[in-house]
Amino acid sequence: MPIKLTPGTDGLPAGSHEILNTAALGFVAELARTHGPALQELLRERQTRQAAFDHGVRPDFLPDTQWIRTSEWSVAPLHPSLLDRRVEITGPPERKMLINALNSGARVYMADFEDSLAPTLANLVSGQANLKDAVRGTLHHLDPETGKAYALASHTATLMVRPRGLHLEERHLRVGGDAVPACLFDAGLFLWHNAAALVEQGKAPCLYLPKLEHHLEAAWWNRVLEDMERTLGLSRGTIRTTMLIETLPAAFQMEEMLHAQRTRVAGLNLGRWDYIFSFIKTLRMDPGAVLPDRGLIRMDLPFLRAYAQLLVRTCHRRGCLALGGMSAFVPQRGDAEGTERAFAQVTADKLREVHDGCDGTWVAHPALVPVAQAPFDEHMKGPNQLHRIPGEVAAQALLEVPGGARTEKGLRHNLKVGIHYLESWLRGQGCVALYGLMEDAATAEICRMQLWQWIRHGADVENLGRLDRPLFHAFVEDALFQIQAEIGEIAFADGRFLEASDLFETLILERDPSPFLTLPAYDLLLEPVLTEVQP
């Protein structure tokens, strides 16, 4: 199995050739050969289901798996390090951010190769190198601007890793001419380099699995992980997982997804931003499912309350944890009053979650860890709330479309955030603080699909009437002028805002929208092919 790094990789971060050694890449390549064909079939089945949704079929609980939902079973006992997850912090595995997150006081840190990382080869490889150092306690950083040194504390958060979604590919590594699935690249490299070291330390290698749409996809992941365990000499179930419920179809299959991974799963997570995006995308052809402004879509709305209550009920019935959603607020320098308002909103959000029975929650900034933890410390006296089981949830409750206004302000905000984020992503930065919130690919997707939905169905926007294409283009142009005024002409000229706005507008005006904006954006991000693995 010859593997050779090609020219063009000399500029990669230090330690890259160690991360991308022949054995590690061979491990990933073999996973792609074994499991890639089945993954491609699952992705084709996604298209078939979406076509059915487009013709009026609605997601529902599956009749052929009713036996799973009604029979008595439970998942494997939780690993001791995963019994208390009251606050989890997430972010890309950038060196300084990784140290700050692991030292933040959160119980868990999720290193994100997905929605908050732009997948340049340099980002991917440096992220893996940083995780390898973190696992071994040697991670440190010296800020070149301030001279401040950063190092890991004696006690750090439990490390979990989120690989990219099933739909993404990693074109820097090809097997027989085909790009390997990005999820196998990310998870494979992390586990190859770190699983044994974590087990030796008495810790569990942990993955967060994103954007699943069907229990057969959860079963595919389980087969992949069993294969990894055999190759790495680990006992079955050593690799622990948490699955994000962030698509509308998955909300109807939580029981089945837990059952598919019952030997290893530790919990489910309310991935609410992607869930809102998926709600729009799944019901995209229904003129009766047009949503109001993004800012009006709150977790206290009936369809999101049903989603949260069903997740808590499902997890606790089966013996695993229910994790709440992301608080994306970030402290605003020079605006103490705005920061105080944000903290108050975070507190209210976490109070709702703990009273719903959630066992923990997510934040995006270290300063929010104590704010989010306080309601759980006050109202959750033990390490979790497994004893609390809410009542049943009807399918129709998950599909209840909320009312509310569609406004010019909401239109302008979606455009500015979407263009800003996509421009940042094209420059290699996958998460960015904008207007008091930490935005990532999931929130940009809401902006995109919401505007697509408004235009597709000729929805009325307050004081504007129907949003047609010429009017929309004028708003795109105005958004660019506003962004330029906010950041200055030099920063605007140095960025990729024109590319970002062209792509964002094109995606919004598509007749059949791209499943994910990162698919076409990836073409603009690509670097030379890393390596070719021959049979």
Protein backbone atom coordinates (compact mmCIF):
# COMPACT_ATOMS: atom_id res chain seq x y z
CA MET A 1 0.00 0.00 0.00
CA PRO A 2 2.34 2.80 -1.17
CA ILE A 3 1.63 6.20 0.41
CA LYS A 4 3.67 9.21 -0.56
CA LEU A 5 3.26 12.83 0.43
CA THR A 6 3.23 14.94 -2.70
CA PRO A 7 4.88 18.33 -3.24
CA GLY A 8 3.01 21.24 -1.73
CA THR A 9 2.87 19.88 1.82
CA ASP A 10 6.16 21.42 2.99
CA GLY A 11 4.34 24.44 4.40
CA LEU A 12 2.27 22.37 6.82
CA PRO A 13 2.62 22.93 10.58
CA ALA A 14 5.37 21.30 12.61
CA GLY A 15 4.65 17.68 13.38
CA SER A 16 2.53 17.17 10.25
CA HIS A 17 4.56 14.25 8.92
CA GLU A 18 4.20 12.50 12.28
CA ILE A 19 0.42 12.92 12.18
CA LEU A 20 0.28 11.89 8.52
CA ASN A 21 2.62 8.93 8.82
CA THR A 22 2.23 5.91 6.58
CA ALA A 23 0.61 3.73 9.23
CA ALA A 24 -1.97 6.36 10.21
CA LEU A 25 -2.94 7.10 6.62
CA GLY A 26 -3.07 3.38 5.86
CA PHE A 27 -5.47 2.93 8.78
CA VAL A 28 -7.77 5.64 7.37
CA ALA A 29 -7.45 4.27 3.84
CA GLU A 30 -8.48 0.78 4.92
CA LEU A 31 -11.49 2.18 6.75
CA ALA A 32 -12.49 4.03 3.57
CA ARG A 33 -12.15 0.88 1.46
CA THR A 34 -14.18 -1.20 3.89
CA HIS A 35 -16.92 1.25 4.86
CA GLY A 36 -17.00 3.85 2.08
CA PRO A 37 -19.38 1.97 -0.27
CA ALA A 38 -22.00 1.52 2.46
CA LEU A 39 -21.70 5.20 3.36
CA GLN A 40 -22.34 6.22 -0.24
CA GLU A 41 -25.50 4.11 -0.25
CA LEU A 42 -26.67 5.83 2.96
CA LEU A 43 -26.11 9.23 1.34
CA ARG A 44 -28.17 8.17 -1.70
CA GLU A 45 -30.94 7.10 0.67
CA ARG A 46 -30.89 10.62 2.14
CA GLN A 47 -31.66 11.99 -1.32
CA THR A 48 -34.52 9.54 -1.75
CA ARG A 49 -36.06 10.50 1.58
CA GLN A 50 -35.72 14.22 0.83
CA ALA A 51 -37.49 13.70 -2.50
CA ALA A 52 -40.35 12.07 -0.59
CA PHE A 53 -40.46 14.98 1.86
CA ASP A 54 -40.54 17.38 -1.10
CA HIS A 55 -43.66 15.57 -2.34
CA GLY A 56 -45.51 15.93 0.94
CA VAL A 57 -44.41 12.96 3.05
CA ARG A 58 -43.81 13.97 6.65
CA PRO A 59 -41.20 12.56 9.04
CA ASP A 60 -42.76 10.18 11.55
CA PHE A 61 -41.92 7.43 14.00
CA LEU A 62 -41.00 4.28 12.04
CA PRO A 63 -43.57 1.46 12.21
CA ASP A 64 -41.04 -1.31 11.51
CA THR A 65 -38.93 -0.38 14.56
CA GLN A 66 -41.77 -0.02 17.04
CA TRP A 67 -40.41 -3.06 18.88
CA ILE A 68 -37.30 -1.06 19.79
CA ARG A 69 -39.39 1.78 21.22
CA THR A 70 -41.69 -0.49 23.24
CA SER A 71 -39.31 -3.18 24.52
CA GLU A 72 -37.17 -3.02 27.65
CA TRP A 73 -33.45 -2.43 27.14
CA SER A 74 -30.75 -0.01 28.22
CA VAL A 75 -27.40 1.19 27.00
CA ALA A 76 -24.11 0.01 28.50
CA PRO A 77 -23.12 1.58 31.85
CA LEU A 78 -21.62 5.04 31.46
CA HIS A 79 -17.88 5.51 31.75
CA PRO A 80 -17.03 7.19 35.09
CA SER A 81 -15.64 10.26 33.29
CA LEU A 82 -19.01 10.77 31.56
CA LEU A 83 -21.36 10.65 34.55
CA ASP A 84 -21.24 14.42 35.19
CA ARG A 85 -21.36 16.59 32.08
CA ARG A 86 -23.15 19.63 33.46
CA VAL A 87 -21.25 22.10 31.28
CA GLU A 88 -19.50 21.32 28.02
CA ILE A 89 -17.51 23.84 26.00
CA THR A 90 -16.89 23.53 22.27
CA GLY A 91 -14.59 25.05 19.71
CA PRO A 92 -11.99 24.27 17.06
CA PRO A 93 -8.76 22.51 18.14
CA GLU A 94 -6.67 25.65 17.72
CA ARG A 95 -3.77 25.63 20.20
CA LYS A 96 -4.56 28.61 22.44
CA MET A 97 -8.31 28.00 22.30
CA LEU A 98 -7.79 24.34 23.14
CA ILE A 99 -5.77 25.16 26.25
CA ASN A 100 -8.26 27.76 27.45
CA ALA A 101 -11.19 25.40 26.90
CA LEU A 102 -9.57 22.45 28.67
CA ASN A 103 -8.70 24.77 31.59
CA SER A 104 -12.11 26.51 31.62
CA GLY A 105 -13.72 24.51 34.44
CA ALA A 106 -16.14 22.82 32.05
CA ARG A 107 -16.62 19.09 32.57
CA VAL A 108 -16.15 18.31 28.86
CA TYR A 109 -14.40 19.99 25.96
CA MET A 110 -15.55 19.02 22.47
CA ALA A 111 -12.78 19.65 19.94
CA ASP A 112 -14.67 20.42 16.75
CA PHE A 113 -13.46 19.44 13.29
CA GLU A 114 -16.93 20.11 11.90
CA ASP A 115 -19.02 23.30 12.10
CA SER A 116 -16.40 25.53 13.74
CA LEU A 117 -13.38 24.51 11.65
CA ALA A 118 -12.68 25.43 8.03
CA PRO A 119 -11.11 22.22 6.68
CA THR A 120 -7.88 23.49 5.22
CA LEU A 121 -5.20 20.85 5.38
CA ALA A 122 -3.16 23.02 7.75
CA ASN A 123 -6.12 23.41 10.12
CA LEU A 124 -6.86 19.68 10.12
CA VAL A 125 -3.29 18.56 10.69
CA SER A 126 -2.43 21.18 13.30
CA GLY A 127 -5.68 20.31 15.10
CA GLN A 128 -4.70 16.65 15.25
CA ALA A 129 -1.20 17.53 16.46
CA ASN A 130 -2.67 19.76 19.17
CA LEU A 131 -4.96 16.96 20.35
CA LYS A 132 -2.06 14.53 20.49
CA ASP A 133 -0.15 16.95 22.72
CA ALA A 134 -3.24 17.60 24.85
CA VAL A 135 -3.80 13.89 25.49
CA ARG A 136 -0.20 13.58 26.69
CA GLY A 137 -0.34 16.77 28.79
CA THR A 138 2.40 18.53 26.81
CA LEU A 139 0.28 21.13 25.05
CA HIS A 140 1.57 24.69 25.47
CA HIS A 141 1.46 27.97 23.58
CA LEU A 142 3.41 31.23 23.60
CA ASP A 143 1.45 34.16 22.20
CA PRO A 144 3.83 35.95 19.80
CA GLU A 145 2.02 39.29 20.24
CA THR A 146 1.70 39.45 24.01
CA GLY A 147 4.44 37.05 25.12
CA LYS A 148 1.92 35.31 27.38
CA ALA A 149 2.51 31.61 27.95
CA TYR A 150 -0.36 29.11 28.03
CA ALA A 151 -0.17 25.58 29.46
CA LEU A 152 -2.57 22.90 30.65
CA ALA A 153 -3.72 22.92 34.25
CA SER A 154 -3.33 19.86 36.47
CA HIS A 155 -7.03 19.08 36.07
CA THR A 156 -8.66 19.54 32.68
CA ALA A 157 -11.98 18.85 31.00
CA THR A 158 -12.73 15.43 29.53
CA LEU A 159 -11.79 15.53 25.85
CA MET A 160 -14.28 14.61 23.15
CA VAL A 161 -13.79 15.02 19.38
CA ARG A 162 -16.39 15.81 16.74
CA PRO A 163 -15.41 14.61 13.26
CA ARG A 164 -17.03 16.07 10.19
CA GLY A 165 -20.42 14.89 9.01
CA LEU A 166 -21.08 11.89 6.78
CA HIS A 167 -21.79 14.08 3.75
CA LEU A 168 -18.31 15.64 3.61
CA GLU A 169 -15.24 14.26 1.89
CA GLU A 170 -11.54 14.83 2.46
CA ARG A 171 -10.02 15.35 -0.96
CA HIS A 172 -6.49 15.69 0.37
CA LEU A 173 -6.42 11.91 0.77
CA ARG A 174 -7.64 9.68 -2.06
CA VAL A 175 -7.99 5.93 -2.21
CA GLY A 176 -8.17 4.45 -5.70
CA GLY A 177 -8.98 7.90 -7.06
CA ASP A 178 -11.82 8.60 -4.64
CA ALA A 179 -11.68 11.09 -1.79
CA VAL A 180 -11.95 9.45 1.62
CA PRO A 181 -14.96 10.30 3.80
CA ALA A 182 -13.99 13.27 5.98
CA CYS A 183 -15.49 11.63 9.07
CA LEU A 184 -13.09 8.69 8.72
CA PHE A 185 -10.12 11.01 8.20
CA ASP A 186 -10.89 13.00 11.36
CA ALA A 187 -11.94 10.17 13.65
CA GLY A 188 -9.37 7.76 12.27
CA LEU A 189 -6.38 10.03 12.82
CA PHE A 190 -7.52 11.00 16.31
CA LEU A 191 -8.08 7.43 17.45
CA TRP A 192 -4.97 6.04 15.76
CA HIS A 193 -2.76 8.50 17.61
CA ASN A 194 -4.61 8.75 20.93
CA ALA A 195 -6.95 5.87 21.76
CA ALA A 196 -4.32 3.68 23.42
CA ALA A 197 -2.85 6.60 25.38
CA LEU A 198 -6.30 7.56 26.70
CA VAL A 199 -7.07 3.98 27.74
CA GLU A 200 -3.73 3.76 29.57
CA GLN A 201 -4.74 6.88 31.52
CA GLY A 202 -8.05 5.28 32.50
CA LYS A 203 -9.98 7.53 30.14
CA ALA A 204 -12.36 6.72 27.32
CA PRO A 205 -11.71 7.76 23.71
CA CYS A 206 -14.83 9.83 23.02
CA LEU A 207 -16.48 11.02 19.80
CA TYR A 208 -19.39 13.37 19.17
CA LEU A 209 -21.19 12.20 16.01
CA PRO A 210 -22.92 14.98 14.02
CA LYS A 211 -25.77 15.43 11.55
CA LEU A 212 -27.13 11.89 11.55
CA GLU A 213 -30.46 11.55 9.76
CA HIS A 214 -31.32 7.87 10.22
CA HIS A 215 -30.71 5.02 12.64
CA LEU A 216 -28.96 3.09 9.86
CA GLU A 217 -26.34 5.84 9.84
CA ALA A 218 -25.84 5.34 13.57
CA ALA A 219 -25.48 1.61 12.91
CA TRP A 220 -22.89 2.35 10.19
CA TRP A 221 -20.86 4.37 12.67
CA ASN A 222 -21.07 1.51 15.15
CA ARG A 223 -19.65 -0.93 12.61
CA VAL A 224 -16.84 1.52 11.81
CA LEU A 225 -15.97 1.90 15.49
CA GLU A 226 -16.03 -1.86 16.08
CA ASP A 227 -13.63 -2.21 13.14
CA MET A 228 -11.38 0.47 14.63
CA GLU A 229 -11.41 -1.26 18.02
CA ARG A 230 -10.37 -4.58 16.48
CA THR A 231 -7.51 -2.97 14.56
CA LEU A 232 -6.32 -0.93 17.55
CA GLY A 233 -6.54 -3.87 19.95
CA LEU A 234 -9.30 -2.32 22.06
CA SER A 235 -12.16 -4.18 23.65
CA ARG A 236 -15.62 -3.72 22.17
CA GLY A 237 -17.32 -0.56 23.40
CA THR A 238 -14.09 1.16 24.45
CA ILE A 239 -14.76 4.09 22.12
CA ARG A 240 -17.66 6.06 23.59
CA THR A 241 -20.04 8.22 21.57
CA THR A 242 -22.53 11.00 21.97
CA MET A 243 -24.84 11.61 19.03
CA LEU A 244 -26.17 15.03 18.14
CA ILE A 245 -29.87 15.11 17.36
CA GLU A 246 -29.70 18.01 14.97
CA THR A 247 -31.86 16.90 12.06
CA LEU A 248 -35.64 16.67 11.95
CA PRO A 249 -35.71 13.05 10.69
CA ALA A 250 -33.39 11.97 13.53
CA ALA A 251 -35.80 13.40 16.13
CA PHE A 252 -38.20 10.58 15.24
CA GLN A 253 -35.49 7.90 15.56
CA MET A 254 -33.72 8.66 18.84
CA GLU A 255 -34.62 5.29 20.36
CA GLU A 256 -33.37 3.43 17.30
CA MET A 257 -30.12 5.42 17.20
CA LEU A 258 -29.40 4.65 20.85
CA HIS A 259 -30.20 0.99 20.24
CA ALA A 260 -27.78 0.88 17.30
CA GLN A 261 -24.95 2.08 19.56
CA ARG A 262 -26.13 0.65 22.86
CA THR A 263 -22.72 -0.89 23.67
CA ARG A 264 -20.99 2.52 23.61
CA VAL A 265 -23.37 5.49 23.52
CA ALA A 266 -23.18 7.94 26.43
CA GLY A 267 -25.90 10.40 25.46
CA LEU A 268 -27.70 12.56 22.94
CA ASN A 269 -27.33 16.30 22.43
CA LEU A 270 -29.84 18.99 21.46
CA GLY A 271 -28.05 20.44 18.42
CA ARG A 272 -30.63 23.16 18.13
CA TRP A 273 -29.09 25.44 15.50
CA ASP A 274 -28.61 22.62 13.00
CA TYR A 275 -32.03 21.31 14.01
CA ILE A 276 -33.71 24.58 13.03
CA PHE A 277 -31.78 24.51 9.75
CA SER A 278 -32.88 20.90 9.18
CA PHE A 279 -36.51 21.75 9.98
CA ILE A 280 -36.47 24.32 7.18
CA LYS A 281 -34.56 22.06 4.78
CA THR A 282 -36.70 18.97 5.36
CA LEU A 283 -40.00 20.85 4.91
CA ARG A 284 -38.58 23.24 2.32
CA MET A 285 -41.26 22.71 -0.33
CA ASP A 286 -44.17 23.26 2.06
CA PRO A 287 -45.47 26.86 1.85
CA GLY A 288 -47.13 26.29 5.20
CA ALA A 289 -43.78 25.67 6.93
CA VAL A 290 -42.19 29.08 6.35
CA LEU A 291 -40.53 30.26 9.56
CA PRO A 292 -40.36 33.77 11.04
CA ASP A 293 -37.16 35.73 11.76
CA ARG A 294 -34.32 33.65 13.17
CA GLY A 295 -34.32 35.80 16.32
CA LEU A 296 -37.92 34.74 17.05
CA ILE A 297 -37.19 31.01 16.91
CA ARG A 298 -36.66 30.26 20.60
CA MET A 299 -36.53 27.03 22.54
CA ASP A 300 -39.79 27.85 24.31
CA LEU A 301 -41.73 27.44 21.04
CA PRO A 302 -43.91 24.29 21.04
CA PHE A 303 -42.04 22.42 18.27
CA LEU A 304 -38.70 22.95 19.98
CA ARG A 305 -40.10 22.21 23.44
CA ALA A 306 -41.37 18.88 22.11
CA TYR A 307 -37.96 18.12 20.62
CA ALA A 308 -36.20 18.82 23.93
CA GLN A 309 -38.67 16.86 26.04
CA LEU A 310 -38.53 13.85 23.72
CA LEU A 311 -34.73 13.82 23.86
CA VAL A 312 -34.68 13.88 27.67
CA ARG A 313 -37.35 11.17 27.87
CA THR A 314 -35.54 8.93 25.37
CA CYS A 315 -32.13 9.23 26.98
CA HIS A 316 -33.27 8.73 30.55
CA ARG A 317 -35.47 5.74 29.70
CA ARG A 318 -32.41 4.04 28.23
CA GLY A 319 -29.81 5.03 30.83
CA CYS A 320 -27.77 7.75 29.13
CA LEU A 321 -27.44 11.52 29.42
CA ALA A 322 -29.43 14.28 27.73
CA LEU A 323 -27.30 17.30 26.85
CA GLY A 324 -28.81 20.73 26.27
CA GLY A 325 -28.10 23.14 23.46
CA MET A 326 -25.46 25.73 22.68
CA SER A 327 -25.40 29.20 24.21
CA ALA A 328 -23.58 31.14 21.53
CA PHE A 329 -23.33 34.46 23.40
CA VAL A 330 -19.84 35.91 23.81
CA PRO A 331 -18.74 38.71 26.17
CA GLN A 332 -18.65 42.06 24.40
CA ARG A 333 -15.58 44.14 25.15
CA GLY A 334 -16.43 47.67 26.13
CA ASP A 335 -20.11 46.84 26.55
CA ALA A 336 -20.66 45.77 30.13
CA GLU A 337 -24.40 46.30 29.86
CA GLY A 338 -24.65 44.14 26.73
CA THR A 339 -22.58 41.40 28.36
CA GLU A 340 -24.81 41.48 31.44
CA ARG A 341 -27.90 41.09 29.25
CA ALA A 342 -26.28 38.16 27.47
CA PHE A 343 -25.42 36.48 30.77
CA ALA A 344 -29.01 36.91 31.94
CA GLN A 345 -30.26 35.24 28.77
CA VAL A 346 -27.81 32.36 29.24
CA THR A 347 -29.00 31.89 32.83
CA ALA A 348 -32.64 31.80 31.73
CA ASP A 349 -31.82 29.33 28.95
CA LYS A 350 -29.98 26.99 31.31
CA LEU A 351 -32.69 27.20 33.95
CA ARG A 352 -35.18 26.00 31.36
CA GLU A 353 -32.88 23.13 30.39
CA VAL A 354 -32.21 21.92 33.92
CA HIS A 355 -35.92 22.09 34.74
CA ASP A 356 -36.64 20.09 31.57
CA GLY A 357 -34.39 17.35 32.93
CA CYS A 358 -31.23 17.95 30.89
CA ASP A 359 -28.05 16.63 32.47
CA GLY A 360 -25.79 19.32 31.04
CA THR A 361 -25.44 22.01 28.45
CA TRP A 362 -23.12 23.66 25.92
CA VAL A 363 -21.34 27.01 25.82
CA ALA A 364 -18.99 28.56 23.26
CA HIS A 365 -16.84 30.79 25.49
CA PRO A 366 -14.92 30.11 28.75
CA ALA A 367 -16.52 33.13 30.42
CA LEU A 368 -19.91 31.43 30.11
CA VAL A 369 -18.89 28.26 31.94
CA PRO A 370 -19.69 29.52 35.48
CA VAL A 371 -22.82 31.31 34.22
CA ALA A 372 -24.19 28.12 32.64
CA GLN A 373 -23.09 25.90 35.52
CA ALA A 374 -24.81 27.89 38.26
CA PRO A 375 -28.39 26.76 37.41
CA PHE A 376 -27.25 23.12 37.21
CA ASP A 377 -25.38 23.36 40.52
CA GLU A 378 -28.46 24.84 42.16
CA HIS A 379 -31.12 22.54 40.73
CA MET A 380 -29.27 19.30 39.92
CA LYS A 381 -27.96 17.97 43.22
CA GLY A 382 -26.41 14.80 41.81
CA PRO A 383 -24.11 14.28 38.81
CA ASN A 384 -27.10 13.97 36.46
CA GLN A 385 -30.90 13.64 36.33
CA LEU A 386 -31.33 10.13 34.94
CA HIS A 387 -34.26 9.58 37.30
CA ARG A 388 -36.38 12.26 35.57
CA ILE A 389 -38.46 10.93 32.66
CA PRO A 390 -40.89 13.35 30.95
CA GLY A 391 -44.14 12.15 29.40
CA GLU A 392 -44.66 10.98 25.84
CA VAL A 393 -44.44 13.38 22.89
CA ALA A 394 -46.73 13.15 19.84
CA ALA A 395 -45.28 13.24 16.34
CA GLN A 396 -47.43 16.22 15.40
CA ALA A 397 -45.93 18.31 18.18
CA LEU A 398 -42.51 18.04 16.52
CA LEU A 399 -43.95 19.41 13.27
CA GLU A 400 -45.88 22.39 14.62
CA VAL A 401 -44.82 25.43 12.58
CA PRO A 402 -44.46 28.59 14.70
CA GLY A 403 -45.96 31.91 13.70
CA GLY A 404 -44.19 35.26 13.81
CA ALA A 405 -43.02 38.15 11.73
CA ARG A 406 -40.60 38.20 8.82
CA THR A 407 -38.92 41.58 8.89
CA GLU A 408 -36.48 43.69 6.94
CA LYS A 409 -34.25 43.69 10.02
CA GLY A 410 -34.24 39.88 10.04
CA LEU A 411 -33.47 39.82 6.31
CA ARG A 412 -30.52 42.20 6.68
CA HIS A 413 -29.16 40.33 9.70
CA ASN A 414 -29.28 36.97 7.89
CA LEU A 415 -27.42 38.42 4.92
CA LYS A 416 -24.70 40.11 6.96
CA VAL A 417 -24.10 37.09 9.17
CA GLY A 418 -24.14 34.66 6.24
CA ILE A 419 -21.72 36.71 4.12
CA HIS A 420 -19.45 37.50 7.07
CA TYR A 421 -19.30 33.86 8.14
CA LEU A 422 -18.72 32.45 4.67
CA GLU A 423 -15.94 34.98 4.05
CA SER A 424 -14.28 33.95 7.29
CA TRP A 425 -14.64 30.26 6.38
CA LEU A 426 -13.01 30.85 2.99
CA ARG A 427 -10.04 32.40 4.81
CA GLY A 428 -9.70 29.29 6.97
CA GLN A 429 -11.56 30.42 10.10
CA GLY A 430 -14.56 28.26 10.94
CA CYS A 431 -16.09 30.18 13.85
CA VAL A 432 -16.35 33.92 14.24
CA ALA A 433 -17.87 36.29 16.80
CA LEU A 434 -20.45 38.51 15.08
CA TYR A 435 -22.82 40.96 16.73
CA GLY A 436 -22.48 39.38 20.17
CA LEU A 437 -22.82 35.74 19.08
CA MET A 438 -20.34 33.03 18.13
CA GLU A 439 -21.44 32.03 14.65
CA ASP A 440 -20.53 28.76 12.96
CA ALA A 441 -21.63 26.80 9.91
CA ALA A 442 -24.92 25.78 11.57
CA THR A 443 -26.10 29.34 12.17
CA ALA A 444 -24.96 30.39 8.69
CA GLU A 445 -27.09 27.54 7.33
CA ILE A 446 -30.16 28.94 9.10
CA CYS A 447 -29.51 32.30 7.47
CA ARG A 448 -29.16 30.71 4.04
CA MET A 449 -32.13 28.35 4.13
CA GLN A 450 -34.42 30.86 5.77
CA LEU A 451 -33.84 33.36 2.96
CA TRP A 452 -34.16 30.58 0.37
CA GLN A 453 -37.50 29.63 1.92
CA TRP A 454 -38.80 33.21 1.95
CA ILE A 455 -37.95 33.70 -1.73
CA ARG A 456 -39.08 30.23 -2.87
CA HIS A 457 -42.55 30.69 -1.39
CA GLY A 458 -42.93 34.41 -2.07
CA ALA A 459 -43.30 35.10 1.63
CA ASP A 460 -44.30 38.59 2.69
CA VAL A 461 -41.68 40.57 4.57
CA GLU A 462 -43.00 43.39 6.76
CA ASN A 463 -42.99 46.75 4.93
CA LEU A 464 -41.46 45.12 1.83
CA GLY A 465 -44.11 42.74 0.57
CA ARG A 466 -43.01 39.78 -1.52
CA LEU A 467 -39.25 39.24 -1.62
CA ASP A 468 -38.44 38.77 -5.31
CA ARG A 469 -35.00 38.30 -6.86
CA PRO A 470 -34.27 41.90 -7.95
CA LEU A 471 -35.20 43.22 -4.50
CA PHE A 472 -33.14 40.54 -2.84
CA HIS A 473 -30.08 41.36 -4.97
CA ALA A 474 -30.36 44.99 -3.89
CA PHE A 475 -30.26 43.87 -0.26
CA VAL A 476 -27.16 41.76 -0.96
CA GLU A 477 -25.40 44.79 -2.42
CA ASP A 478 -26.46 46.90 0.55
CA ALA A 479 -25.21 44.24 2.98
CA LEU A 480 -21.76 44.48 1.39
CA PHE A 481 -21.74 48.27 1.79
CA GLN A 482 -22.74 47.92 5.44
CA ILE A 483 -20.03 45.34 6.13
CA GLN A 484 -17.43 47.55 4.47
CA ALA A 485 -18.54 50.50 6.61
CA GLU A 486 -18.30 48.39 9.78
CA ILE A 487 -14.85 46.89 9.23
CA GLY A 488 -13.17 49.54 7.06
CA GLU A 489 -12.12 49.65 3.41
CA ILE A 490 -8.71 48.04 3.94
CA ALA A 491 -10.01 45.02 5.83
CA PHE A 492 -12.80 44.66 3.30
CA ALA A 493 -10.40 44.76 0.35
CA ASP A 494 -8.08 42.24 2.01
CA GLY A 495 -10.93 39.79 2.59
CA ARG A 496 -12.95 37.50 0.34
CA PHE A 497 -16.29 39.27 0.76
CA LEU A 498 -17.14 39.47 -2.94
CA GLU A 499 -16.58 35.73 -3.39
CA ALA A 500 -18.57 35.03 -0.24
CA SER A 501 -21.50 37.22 -1.24
CA ASP A 502 -21.60 35.79 -4.78
CA LEU A 503 -21.67 32.24 -3.43
CA PHE A 504 -24.17 33.03 -0.69
CA GLU A 505 -26.56 34.73 -3.13
CA THR A 506 -26.19 31.90 -5.64
CA LEU A 507 -27.01 29.31 -2.98
CA ILE A 508 -30.06 31.24 -1.83
CA LEU A 509 -31.42 31.61 -5.36
CA GLU A 510 -30.97 27.95 -6.33
CA ARG A 511 -34.14 26.17 -7.38
CA ASP A 512 -33.04 23.03 -5.53
CA PRO A 513 -30.87 24.14 -2.63
CA SER A 514 -27.54 22.49 -1.91
CA PRO A 515 -27.84 20.18 1.12
CA PHE A 516 -25.01 22.08 2.85
CA LEU A 517 -23.30 25.36 1.99
CA THR A 518 -19.90 23.89 2.88
CA LEU A 519 -20.13 21.51 -0.10
CA PRO A 520 -19.76 24.19 -2.82
CA ALA A 521 -17.63 26.36 -0.53
CA TYR A 522 -15.13 23.51 -0.20
CA ASP A 523 -14.25 23.90 -3.89
CA LEU A 524 -12.97 27.41 -3.11
CA LEU A 525 -10.98 26.22 -0.10
CA LEU A 526 -9.11 23.30 -1.63
CA GLU A 527 -5.36 22.98 -1.63
CA PRO A 528 -3.26 20.57 -3.75
CA VAL A 529 -4.02 16.87 -3.23
CA LEU A 530 -2.10 15.52 -0.26
CA THR A 531 -1.58 11.92 -1.23
CA GLU A 532 -2.88 9.04 -3.29
CA VAL A 533 -3.18 5.60 -1.72
CA GLN A 534 -3.03 2.81 -4.29
CA PRO A 535 -4.60 -0.62 -3.77
